[in-house]
N, C-alpha and C. Protein backbone atom coordinates (compact mmCIF):
# COMPACT_ATOMS: atom_id res chain seq x y z
N UNK A 1 0.87 -1.19 0.03
CA UNK A 1 0.02 0.02 0.00
C UNK A 1 0.88 1.23 0.02
N UNK A 2 0.61 2.09 -0.91
CA UNK A 2 1.39 3.35 -1.09
C UNK A 2 0.77 4.39 -0.15
N UNK A 3 1.48 4.87 0.82
CA UNK A 3 1.01 5.75 1.83
C UNK A 3 0.58 7.13 1.24
N UNK A 4 1.34 7.80 0.40
CA UNK A 4 0.97 9.06 -0.14
C UNK A 4 -0.31 9.01 -0.92
N UNK A 5 -0.46 8.00 -1.68
CA UNK A 5 -1.72 7.81 -2.46
C UNK A 5 -2.94 7.60 -1.56
N UNK A 6 -2.76 6.75 -0.60
CA UNK A 6 -3.85 6.42 0.36
C UNK A 6 -4.27 7.75 1.11
N UNK A 7 -3.25 8.52 1.48
CA UNK A 7 -3.55 9.81 2.22
C UNK A 7 -4.29 10.77 1.29
N UNK A 8 -3.89 10.77 0.01
CA UNK A 8 -4.51 11.69 -0.95
C UNK A 8 -6.02 11.23 -1.16
N UNK A 9 -6.24 9.94 -1.27
CA UNK A 9 -7.61 9.42 -1.42
C UNK A 9 -8.47 9.75 -0.21
N UNK A 10 -7.89 9.55 0.98
CA UNK A 10 -8.62 9.91 2.19
C UNK A 10 -8.92 11.36 2.29
N UNK A 11 -7.96 12.19 1.92
CA UNK A 11 -8.12 13.65 1.92
C UNK A 11 -9.24 14.08 0.96
N UNK A 12 -9.17 13.52 -0.25
CA UNK A 12 -10.15 13.78 -1.28
C UNK A 12 -11.53 13.37 -0.81
N UNK A 13 -11.65 12.25 -0.24
CA UNK A 13 -12.93 11.74 0.29
C UNK A 13 -13.48 12.65 1.40
N UNK A 14 -12.57 13.02 2.32
CA UNK A 14 -12.94 13.95 3.37
C UNK A 14 -13.47 15.27 2.84
N UNK A 15 -12.70 15.82 1.89
CA UNK A 15 -13.09 17.12 1.28
C UNK A 15 -14.43 17.02 0.60
N UNK A 16 -14.66 15.99 -0.17
CA UNK A 16 -15.96 15.78 -0.85
C UNK A 16 -17.06 15.61 0.12
N UNK A 17 -16.86 14.84 1.14
CA UNK A 17 -17.91 14.71 2.20
C UNK A 17 -18.22 16.03 2.87
N UNK A 18 -17.23 16.79 3.22
CA UNK A 18 -17.45 18.03 3.91
C UNK A 18 -18.19 19.04 3.05
N UNK A 19 -17.87 19.06 1.74
CA UNK A 19 -18.58 19.92 0.85
C UNK A 19 -20.05 19.50 0.73
N UNK A 20 -20.29 18.20 0.61
CA UNK A 20 -21.61 17.67 0.50
C UNK A 20 -22.44 17.99 1.74
N UNK A 21 -21.91 17.76 2.92
CA UNK A 21 -22.59 18.01 4.18
C UNK A 21 -22.88 19.49 4.35
N UNK A 22 -21.95 20.38 4.08
CA UNK A 22 -22.21 21.81 4.20
C UNK A 22 -23.23 22.28 3.24
N UNK A 23 -23.21 21.81 2.00
CA UNK A 23 -24.15 22.28 0.99
C UNK A 23 -25.58 21.71 1.27
N UNK A 24 -25.65 20.53 1.76
CA UNK A 24 -26.99 19.94 2.01
C UNK A 24 -27.60 20.52 3.33
N UNK A 25 -26.78 20.83 4.27
CA UNK A 25 -27.35 21.42 5.52
C UNK A 25 -27.79 22.85 5.28
N UNK A 26 -27.20 23.58 4.37
CA UNK A 26 -27.68 24.95 4.15
C UNK A 26 -28.95 24.98 3.40
N UNK A 27 -29.32 23.86 2.70
CA UNK A 27 -30.56 23.83 1.91
C UNK A 27 -31.66 23.07 2.65
N UNK A 28 -31.40 22.65 3.86
CA UNK A 28 -32.44 21.90 4.61
C UNK A 28 -33.63 22.82 4.85
N UNK A 29 -34.79 22.30 4.79
CA UNK A 29 -35.98 23.13 5.07
C UNK A 29 -36.06 23.49 6.57
N UNK A 30 -36.64 24.57 6.86
CA UNK A 30 -36.88 25.00 8.23
C UNK A 30 -37.82 24.03 8.91
N UNK A 31 -37.58 23.65 10.14
CA UNK A 31 -38.46 22.73 10.79
C UNK A 31 -39.81 23.38 11.10
N UNK A 32 -40.81 22.49 11.22
CA UNK A 32 -42.14 22.98 11.53
C UNK A 32 -42.15 23.73 12.87
N UNK A 33 -41.41 23.22 13.79
CA UNK A 33 -41.34 23.88 15.09
C UNK A 33 -40.75 25.31 15.03
N UNK A 34 -39.77 25.47 14.21
CA UNK A 34 -39.18 26.83 13.97
C UNK A 34 -40.20 27.73 13.31
N UNK A 35 -40.87 27.21 12.28
CA UNK A 35 -41.88 28.02 11.59
C UNK A 35 -42.99 28.40 12.56
N UNK A 36 -43.44 27.45 13.34
CA UNK A 36 -44.46 27.67 14.33
C UNK A 36 -44.05 28.72 15.31
N UNK A 37 -42.81 28.65 15.75
CA UNK A 37 -42.28 29.67 16.71
C UNK A 37 -42.28 31.07 16.13
N UNK A 38 -41.96 31.15 14.84
CA UNK A 38 -42.01 32.48 14.17
C UNK A 38 -43.40 32.98 14.18
N UNK A 39 -44.39 32.18 13.85
CA UNK A 39 -45.77 32.62 13.76
C UNK A 39 -46.29 32.97 15.21
N UNK A 40 -45.92 32.19 16.17
CA UNK A 40 -46.32 32.51 17.57
C UNK A 40 -45.69 33.84 18.06
N UNK A 41 -44.49 34.08 17.73
CA UNK A 41 -43.83 35.38 18.11
C UNK A 41 -44.51 36.50 17.36
N UNK A 42 -44.91 36.26 16.16
CA UNK A 42 -45.63 37.30 15.38
C UNK A 42 -46.96 37.65 16.07
N UNK A 43 -47.64 36.60 16.50
CA UNK A 43 -48.97 36.78 17.18
C UNK A 43 -48.80 37.55 18.46
N UNK A 44 -47.69 37.46 19.14
CA UNK A 44 -47.43 38.14 20.41
C UNK A 44 -47.57 39.65 20.26
N UNK A 45 -47.27 40.20 19.06
CA UNK A 45 -47.41 41.64 18.81
C UNK A 45 -48.81 42.10 18.48
N UNK A 46 -49.71 41.15 18.31
CA UNK A 46 -51.06 41.48 18.03
C UNK A 46 -51.84 41.83 19.30
N UNK A 47 -52.76 42.80 19.25
CA UNK A 47 -53.52 43.16 20.40
C UNK A 47 -54.80 42.35 20.54
N UNK A 48 -55.41 41.83 19.45
CA UNK A 48 -56.55 41.03 19.58
C UNK A 48 -56.24 39.72 18.84
N UNK A 49 -56.19 38.65 19.56
CA UNK A 49 -55.67 37.36 19.04
C UNK A 49 -56.71 36.22 18.98
N UNK A 50 -57.90 36.55 19.35
CA UNK A 50 -58.88 35.50 19.52
C UNK A 50 -59.12 34.60 18.34
N UNK A 51 -59.00 35.09 17.15
CA UNK A 51 -59.18 34.34 15.91
C UNK A 51 -58.00 33.36 15.65
N UNK A 52 -56.89 33.60 16.38
CA UNK A 52 -55.67 32.86 16.13
C UNK A 52 -55.32 31.89 17.30
N UNK A 53 -56.32 31.40 17.97
CA UNK A 53 -56.14 30.51 19.16
C UNK A 53 -55.34 29.24 18.75
N UNK A 54 -55.54 28.79 17.52
CA UNK A 54 -54.87 27.56 17.03
C UNK A 54 -53.41 27.76 16.92
N UNK A 55 -52.91 28.98 16.88
CA UNK A 55 -51.46 29.31 16.79
C UNK A 55 -50.83 29.11 18.18
N UNK A 56 -50.48 27.91 18.46
CA UNK A 56 -50.00 27.54 19.74
C UNK A 56 -48.80 26.64 19.53
N UNK A 57 -47.68 26.92 20.13
CA UNK A 57 -46.44 26.18 19.92
C UNK A 57 -46.62 24.74 20.35
N UNK A 58 -47.53 24.47 21.29
CA UNK A 58 -47.65 23.06 21.76
C UNK A 58 -48.28 22.14 20.72
N UNK A 59 -48.92 22.74 19.74
CA UNK A 59 -49.45 21.89 18.62
C UNK A 59 -48.79 22.21 17.28
N UNK A 60 -47.46 22.40 17.31
CA UNK A 60 -46.73 22.81 16.13
C UNK A 60 -46.71 21.70 15.07
N UNK A 61 -46.92 20.45 15.44
CA UNK A 61 -46.95 19.38 14.47
C UNK A 61 -48.15 19.47 13.56
N UNK A 62 -49.22 20.19 14.00
CA UNK A 62 -50.37 20.39 13.11
C UNK A 62 -50.39 21.72 12.44
N UNK A 63 -49.29 22.43 12.43
CA UNK A 63 -49.18 23.78 11.81
C UNK A 63 -49.81 23.76 10.44
N UNK A 64 -49.51 22.81 9.61
CA UNK A 64 -49.96 22.85 8.24
C UNK A 64 -51.43 22.28 8.03
N UNK A 65 -52.01 21.74 9.09
CA UNK A 65 -53.32 21.15 8.94
C UNK A 65 -54.42 21.87 9.76
N UNK A 66 -54.07 22.40 10.95
CA UNK A 66 -55.17 22.96 11.82
C UNK A 66 -54.95 24.42 12.18
N UNK A 67 -53.81 24.97 11.89
CA UNK A 67 -53.55 26.37 12.29
C UNK A 67 -54.37 27.27 11.33
N UNK A 68 -55.06 28.26 11.94
CA UNK A 68 -55.97 29.11 11.20
C UNK A 68 -55.25 29.88 10.07
N UNK A 69 -55.83 29.81 8.89
CA UNK A 69 -55.40 30.52 7.70
C UNK A 69 -53.92 30.34 7.31
N UNK A 70 -53.40 29.17 7.55
CA UNK A 70 -52.01 28.81 7.15
C UNK A 70 -52.13 27.71 6.04
N UNK A 71 -51.38 27.90 4.96
CA UNK A 71 -51.34 26.84 3.95
C UNK A 71 -49.84 26.49 3.77
N UNK A 72 -49.62 25.20 3.57
CA UNK A 72 -48.25 24.66 3.36
C UNK A 72 -48.09 24.06 2.06
N UNK A 73 -46.85 23.61 1.74
CA UNK A 73 -46.61 22.90 0.52
C UNK A 73 -47.21 21.49 0.64
N UNK A 74 -47.15 20.78 -0.52
CA UNK A 74 -47.78 19.45 -0.54
C UNK A 74 -47.23 18.42 0.40
N UNK A 75 -46.02 18.67 0.90
CA UNK A 75 -45.40 17.77 1.87
C UNK A 75 -45.69 18.19 3.35
N UNK A 76 -46.46 19.26 3.43
CA UNK A 76 -46.74 19.84 4.81
C UNK A 76 -45.54 20.09 5.60
N UNK A 77 -44.51 20.67 4.94
CA UNK A 77 -43.20 20.97 5.60
C UNK A 77 -42.85 22.40 5.54
N UNK A 78 -43.55 23.23 4.80
CA UNK A 78 -43.14 24.62 4.67
C UNK A 78 -44.35 25.52 4.45
N UNK A 79 -44.40 26.61 5.29
CA UNK A 79 -45.53 27.54 5.16
C UNK A 79 -45.36 28.33 3.90
N UNK A 80 -46.36 28.36 2.99
CA UNK A 80 -46.37 29.03 1.76
C UNK A 80 -47.33 30.20 1.74
N UNK A 81 -48.43 30.17 2.53
CA UNK A 81 -49.45 31.16 2.52
C UNK A 81 -49.93 31.48 3.96
N UNK A 82 -50.10 32.77 4.20
CA UNK A 82 -50.67 33.27 5.40
C UNK A 82 -51.67 34.33 5.02
N UNK A 83 -52.95 34.04 5.40
CA UNK A 83 -54.03 34.92 5.09
C UNK A 83 -54.76 35.22 6.40
N UNK A 84 -54.43 36.34 7.00
CA UNK A 84 -55.12 36.77 8.26
C UNK A 84 -55.93 38.04 7.99
N UNK A 85 -56.56 38.11 6.78
CA UNK A 85 -57.32 39.28 6.41
C UNK A 85 -58.66 39.26 7.20
N UNK A 86 -59.19 40.46 7.34
CA UNK A 86 -60.59 40.63 7.90
C UNK A 86 -60.73 40.04 9.29
N UNK A 87 -59.71 40.11 10.19
CA UNK A 87 -59.85 39.57 11.53
C UNK A 87 -59.90 40.62 12.57
N UNK A 88 -59.92 41.89 12.21
CA UNK A 88 -59.98 43.03 13.19
C UNK A 88 -58.77 42.89 14.16
N UNK A 89 -57.66 42.46 13.64
CA UNK A 89 -56.44 42.38 14.44
C UNK A 89 -55.74 43.69 14.46
N UNK A 90 -55.24 44.11 15.61
CA UNK A 90 -54.48 45.35 15.75
C UNK A 90 -53.13 45.11 16.28
N UNK A 91 -52.31 46.14 16.34
CA UNK A 91 -50.96 45.98 16.87
C UNK A 91 -49.95 46.17 15.72
N UNK A 92 -48.74 45.76 16.01
CA UNK A 92 -47.73 45.84 14.95
C UNK A 92 -47.59 44.55 14.21
N UNK A 93 -47.10 44.62 13.03
CA UNK A 93 -46.89 43.36 12.25
C UNK A 93 -45.36 43.19 12.15
N UNK A 94 -44.82 42.28 12.85
CA UNK A 94 -43.34 42.18 13.05
C UNK A 94 -42.61 41.77 11.79
N UNK A 95 -41.40 42.20 11.73
CA UNK A 95 -40.48 41.83 10.58
C UNK A 95 -40.10 40.35 10.69
N UNK A 96 -40.44 39.65 11.76
CA UNK A 96 -40.08 38.26 11.91
C UNK A 96 -40.73 37.44 10.78
N UNK A 97 -41.78 37.98 10.14
CA UNK A 97 -42.40 37.23 9.04
C UNK A 97 -41.41 36.94 7.96
N UNK A 98 -40.35 37.73 7.82
CA UNK A 98 -39.37 37.53 6.71
C UNK A 98 -38.54 36.28 6.97
N UNK A 99 -38.64 35.66 8.10
CA UNK A 99 -37.87 34.43 8.38
C UNK A 99 -38.58 33.25 7.68
N UNK A 100 -39.83 33.42 7.27
CA UNK A 100 -40.47 32.37 6.51
C UNK A 100 -40.18 32.55 5.04
N UNK A 101 -38.99 32.21 4.70
CA UNK A 101 -38.45 32.46 3.39
C UNK A 101 -39.18 31.85 2.21
N UNK A 102 -39.95 30.83 2.45
CA UNK A 102 -40.68 30.17 1.36
C UNK A 102 -42.07 30.74 1.12
N UNK A 103 -42.42 31.80 1.91
CA UNK A 103 -43.76 32.38 1.90
C UNK A 103 -44.00 32.94 0.44
N UNK A 104 -45.16 32.60 -0.13
CA UNK A 104 -45.52 33.10 -1.44
C UNK A 104 -46.73 34.02 -1.37
N UNK A 105 -47.59 33.92 -0.37
CA UNK A 105 -48.79 34.66 -0.29
C UNK A 105 -48.90 35.24 1.10
N UNK A 106 -49.05 36.56 1.23
CA UNK A 106 -49.23 37.18 2.52
C UNK A 106 -50.38 38.19 2.45
N UNK A 107 -51.46 37.92 3.15
CA UNK A 107 -52.60 38.84 3.12
C UNK A 107 -52.89 39.27 4.55
N UNK A 108 -52.71 40.53 4.84
CA UNK A 108 -52.99 41.05 6.18
C UNK A 108 -53.99 42.18 6.06
N UNK A 109 -54.77 42.20 4.96
CA UNK A 109 -55.64 43.37 4.64
C UNK A 109 -56.83 43.40 5.64
N UNK A 110 -57.43 44.58 5.70
CA UNK A 110 -58.60 44.88 6.42
C UNK A 110 -58.47 44.48 7.92
N UNK A 111 -57.41 44.95 8.48
CA UNK A 111 -57.15 44.86 9.93
C UNK A 111 -56.81 46.23 10.41
N UNK A 112 -56.18 46.32 11.54
CA UNK A 112 -55.79 47.59 12.12
C UNK A 112 -54.31 47.64 12.51
N UNK A 113 -53.48 46.99 11.66
CA UNK A 113 -52.05 46.94 11.98
C UNK A 113 -51.50 48.40 11.78
N UNK A 114 -50.51 48.74 12.67
CA UNK A 114 -49.93 50.09 12.60
C UNK A 114 -48.44 49.98 12.62
N UNK A 115 -47.82 51.10 12.72
CA UNK A 115 -46.35 51.08 12.74
C UNK A 115 -45.78 51.17 11.36
N UNK A 116 -44.69 50.46 11.11
CA UNK A 116 -44.08 50.66 9.81
C UNK A 116 -43.83 49.24 9.17
N UNK A 117 -43.38 49.26 7.96
CA UNK A 117 -43.04 48.05 7.20
C UNK A 117 -41.60 47.98 6.83
N UNK A 118 -40.71 48.32 7.76
CA UNK A 118 -39.31 48.35 7.52
C UNK A 118 -38.71 46.94 7.69
N UNK A 119 -39.20 46.01 6.92
CA UNK A 119 -38.75 44.63 6.96
C UNK A 119 -37.60 44.42 6.05
N UNK A 120 -36.89 43.31 6.21
CA UNK A 120 -35.89 42.85 5.27
C UNK A 120 -36.58 42.02 4.24
N UNK A 121 -37.26 42.72 3.34
CA UNK A 121 -38.07 42.04 2.27
C UNK A 121 -37.22 41.08 1.45
N UNK A 122 -35.93 41.36 1.33
CA UNK A 122 -35.07 40.59 0.49
C UNK A 122 -35.05 39.12 0.85
N UNK A 123 -35.44 38.75 2.09
CA UNK A 123 -35.48 37.39 2.54
C UNK A 123 -36.69 36.67 1.95
N UNK A 124 -37.70 37.40 1.43
CA UNK A 124 -38.93 36.78 0.95
C UNK A 124 -38.87 36.68 -0.62
N UNK A 125 -37.87 36.04 -1.07
CA UNK A 125 -37.60 35.98 -2.55
C UNK A 125 -38.75 35.21 -3.27
N UNK A 126 -39.50 34.39 -2.58
CA UNK A 126 -40.58 33.62 -3.23
C UNK A 126 -41.92 34.36 -3.21
N UNK A 127 -42.01 35.48 -2.48
CA UNK A 127 -43.30 36.16 -2.35
C UNK A 127 -43.86 36.65 -3.66
N UNK A 128 -45.13 36.29 -3.98
CA UNK A 128 -45.85 36.69 -5.15
C UNK A 128 -46.93 37.66 -4.87
N UNK A 129 -47.57 37.55 -3.66
CA UNK A 129 -48.67 38.39 -3.30
C UNK A 129 -48.42 39.01 -1.92
N UNK A 130 -48.54 40.33 -1.87
CA UNK A 130 -48.42 41.10 -0.58
C UNK A 130 -49.63 42.05 -0.56
N UNK A 131 -50.66 41.69 0.29
CA UNK A 131 -51.80 42.58 0.41
C UNK A 131 -51.87 43.06 1.81
N UNK A 132 -51.60 44.35 1.97
CA UNK A 132 -51.70 45.05 3.26
C UNK A 132 -52.76 46.16 3.28
N UNK A 133 -53.72 45.99 2.37
CA UNK A 133 -54.77 46.96 2.15
C UNK A 133 -55.55 47.29 3.41
N UNK A 134 -55.89 48.57 3.60
CA UNK A 134 -56.82 48.95 4.66
C UNK A 134 -56.36 48.64 6.11
N UNK A 135 -55.18 49.07 6.44
CA UNK A 135 -54.67 48.96 7.76
C UNK A 135 -54.41 50.38 8.30
N UNK A 136 -53.52 50.53 9.25
CA UNK A 136 -53.22 51.85 9.80
C UNK A 136 -51.68 52.07 9.76
N UNK A 137 -51.02 51.51 8.78
CA UNK A 137 -49.57 51.75 8.61
C UNK A 137 -49.34 53.21 8.39
N UNK A 138 -48.42 53.82 9.15
CA UNK A 138 -48.14 55.22 9.10
C UNK A 138 -46.64 55.44 8.91
N UNK A 139 -46.20 55.35 7.70
CA UNK A 139 -44.74 55.38 7.44
C UNK A 139 -44.51 55.75 5.96
N UNK A 140 -43.28 55.80 5.59
CA UNK A 140 -43.02 55.96 4.14
C UNK A 140 -43.10 54.59 3.52
N UNK A 141 -43.32 54.60 2.22
CA UNK A 141 -43.45 53.32 1.47
C UNK A 141 -42.13 52.52 1.56
N UNK A 142 -42.24 51.27 1.88
CA UNK A 142 -41.00 50.44 2.03
C UNK A 142 -40.33 50.24 0.66
N UNK A 143 -39.04 50.42 0.69
CA UNK A 143 -38.26 50.31 -0.56
C UNK A 143 -37.94 48.83 -0.81
N UNK A 144 -37.89 48.06 0.23
CA UNK A 144 -37.48 46.66 0.16
C UNK A 144 -38.36 45.78 -0.75
N UNK A 145 -39.57 46.20 -0.97
CA UNK A 145 -40.48 45.39 -1.78
C UNK A 145 -40.04 45.43 -3.25
N UNK A 146 -39.27 46.44 -3.62
CA UNK A 146 -38.78 46.52 -5.03
C UNK A 146 -37.72 45.42 -5.31
N UNK A 147 -37.27 44.77 -4.27
CA UNK A 147 -36.29 43.68 -4.42
C UNK A 147 -36.86 42.32 -4.55
N UNK A 148 -38.19 42.25 -4.60
CA UNK A 148 -38.87 40.95 -4.68
C UNK A 148 -39.10 40.46 -6.14
N UNK A 149 -38.23 39.59 -6.63
CA UNK A 149 -38.31 39.29 -8.05
C UNK A 149 -39.56 38.58 -8.52
N UNK A 150 -40.37 37.91 -7.62
CA UNK A 150 -41.51 37.18 -8.03
C UNK A 150 -42.82 37.89 -7.68
N UNK A 151 -42.73 39.06 -7.09
CA UNK A 151 -43.94 39.78 -6.65
C UNK A 151 -44.85 40.17 -7.86
N UNK A 152 -46.08 39.73 -7.81
CA UNK A 152 -47.04 39.97 -8.93
C UNK A 152 -48.14 40.91 -8.49
N UNK A 153 -48.49 40.93 -7.15
CA UNK A 153 -49.59 41.68 -6.68
C UNK A 153 -49.13 42.40 -5.34
N UNK A 154 -49.29 43.75 -5.41
CA UNK A 154 -48.89 44.56 -4.31
C UNK A 154 -49.95 45.58 -3.97
N UNK A 155 -50.55 45.44 -2.82
CA UNK A 155 -51.67 46.39 -2.41
C UNK A 155 -51.27 47.02 -1.05
N UNK A 156 -50.87 48.31 -1.12
CA UNK A 156 -50.66 49.09 0.09
C UNK A 156 -51.72 50.17 0.29
N UNK A 157 -52.83 50.06 -0.51
CA UNK A 157 -53.88 51.08 -0.44
C UNK A 157 -54.55 51.10 0.90
N UNK A 158 -55.23 52.22 1.19
CA UNK A 158 -56.00 52.36 2.41
C UNK A 158 -55.13 52.42 3.65
N UNK A 159 -53.94 52.97 3.58
CA UNK A 159 -53.07 53.15 4.75
C UNK A 159 -52.69 54.63 4.83
N UNK A 160 -51.79 54.94 5.68
CA UNK A 160 -51.41 56.34 5.81
C UNK A 160 -49.93 56.57 5.47
N UNK A 161 -49.56 56.10 4.29
CA UNK A 161 -48.20 56.27 3.81
C UNK A 161 -47.96 57.80 3.53
N UNK A 162 -46.75 58.19 3.70
CA UNK A 162 -46.38 59.61 3.40
C UNK A 162 -45.06 59.68 2.71
N UNK A 163 -44.78 60.87 2.19
CA UNK A 163 -43.47 61.06 1.54
C UNK A 163 -43.60 60.79 0.07
N UNK A 164 -42.50 60.55 -0.54
CA UNK A 164 -42.43 60.35 -1.99
C UNK A 164 -42.53 58.84 -2.34
N UNK A 165 -43.13 58.59 -3.48
CA UNK A 165 -43.17 57.22 -4.00
C UNK A 165 -41.74 57.00 -4.57
N UNK A 166 -41.05 56.00 -3.99
CA UNK A 166 -39.72 55.78 -4.51
C UNK A 166 -39.71 55.40 -6.04
N UNK A 167 -38.77 55.91 -6.76
CA UNK A 167 -38.75 55.77 -8.22
C UNK A 167 -38.55 54.28 -8.53
N UNK A 168 -37.99 53.49 -7.62
CA UNK A 168 -37.73 52.07 -7.89
C UNK A 168 -39.09 51.31 -8.06
N UNK A 169 -40.18 51.87 -7.52
CA UNK A 169 -41.49 51.23 -7.68
C UNK A 169 -41.82 51.16 -9.21
N UNK A 170 -41.34 52.07 -9.93
CA UNK A 170 -41.57 52.03 -11.41
C UNK A 170 -40.79 50.99 -12.16
N UNK A 171 -39.83 50.34 -11.42
CA UNK A 171 -39.02 49.28 -12.02
C UNK A 171 -39.58 47.87 -11.76
N UNK A 172 -40.67 47.75 -11.05
CA UNK A 172 -41.25 46.41 -10.75
C UNK A 172 -42.11 46.01 -11.87
N UNK A 173 -41.52 45.66 -12.96
CA UNK A 173 -42.19 45.31 -14.23
C UNK A 173 -42.94 44.00 -14.14
N UNK A 174 -42.61 43.14 -13.21
CA UNK A 174 -43.28 41.86 -13.06
C UNK A 174 -44.66 41.98 -12.43
N UNK A 175 -44.96 43.17 -11.82
CA UNK A 175 -46.26 43.37 -11.17
C UNK A 175 -47.47 43.33 -12.14
N UNK A 176 -48.46 42.59 -11.74
CA UNK A 176 -49.77 42.71 -12.45
C UNK A 176 -50.70 43.64 -11.84
N UNK A 177 -50.51 43.91 -10.52
CA UNK A 177 -51.44 44.81 -9.76
C UNK A 177 -50.58 45.59 -8.78
N UNK A 178 -50.85 46.93 -8.73
CA UNK A 178 -50.21 47.76 -7.71
C UNK A 178 -51.24 48.85 -7.30
N UNK A 179 -51.45 48.92 -5.94
CA UNK A 179 -52.30 49.95 -5.44
C UNK A 179 -51.60 50.67 -4.30
N UNK A 180 -51.51 51.99 -4.42
CA UNK A 180 -50.92 52.83 -3.36
C UNK A 180 -51.89 53.88 -2.90
N UNK A 181 -53.19 53.66 -3.19
CA UNK A 181 -54.19 54.63 -2.76
C UNK A 181 -54.11 54.86 -1.26
N UNK A 182 -54.20 56.16 -0.86
CA UNK A 182 -53.97 56.53 0.53
C UNK A 182 -55.20 57.11 1.13
N UNK A 183 -55.30 57.12 2.43
CA UNK A 183 -56.40 57.74 3.16
C UNK A 183 -55.93 59.06 3.75
N UNK A 184 -55.98 60.13 2.91
CA UNK A 184 -55.60 61.47 3.32
C UNK A 184 -54.41 61.57 4.28
N UNK A 185 -53.27 61.15 3.90
CA UNK A 185 -52.12 61.31 4.80
C UNK A 185 -51.73 62.75 5.02
N UNK A 186 -51.11 63.07 6.11
CA UNK A 186 -50.78 64.44 6.40
C UNK A 186 -49.95 65.14 5.33
N UNK A 187 -48.96 64.46 4.83
CA UNK A 187 -48.10 65.07 3.79
C UNK A 187 -48.45 64.61 2.40
N UNK A 188 -49.20 63.59 2.24
CA UNK A 188 -49.56 63.05 0.90
C UNK A 188 -48.36 62.29 0.28
N UNK A 189 -48.69 61.70 -0.84
CA UNK A 189 -47.66 61.01 -1.54
C UNK A 189 -47.31 61.75 -2.82
N UNK A 190 -46.07 61.80 -3.15
CA UNK A 190 -45.67 62.44 -4.41
C UNK A 190 -44.71 61.57 -5.20
N UNK A 191 -44.81 61.52 -6.50
CA UNK A 191 -43.96 60.77 -7.35
C UNK A 191 -42.64 61.44 -7.58
N UNK A 192 -41.57 60.72 -7.39
CA UNK A 192 -40.24 61.31 -7.61
C UNK A 192 -39.86 61.19 -9.02
């Protein structure tokens, strides 16, 4: 047995295995428990939570089957859709939602969410629909949504956005629908 060759083969095998393990671990899906924890922490910022009683970390295994207004992929392993529209929910809507990186549909319309939308939207690369219509957001329009390559539907109407409409909003050519209609904001919106 030739020692240098054997060492080289072992080294090559080790290197190949380490590359395989590191690449496969970075692409592993987020566990149901982690996704449930994100949703439960999101709910903690809501002031009226009665409609979301099923959002309980103790039943995280049923996240994709019994949690209110949650839809998952066909394997029931990843949250794809969150629709909590028309629930009369108030409070802030936390940026922790961006940790659900496979999310494709987010509808929080017709509630009373306030605060701002300064999220790291870039983590939501799969998002196709963002509907935040008719809430009480009082901030400038978030620039981060312009970085969402798959976004087809964006509704920020019925809020209290102010300042200028960022020129990058005009570059979202993939959009099929865009609403920025406002409810008499103090400064109004102006196109740059």
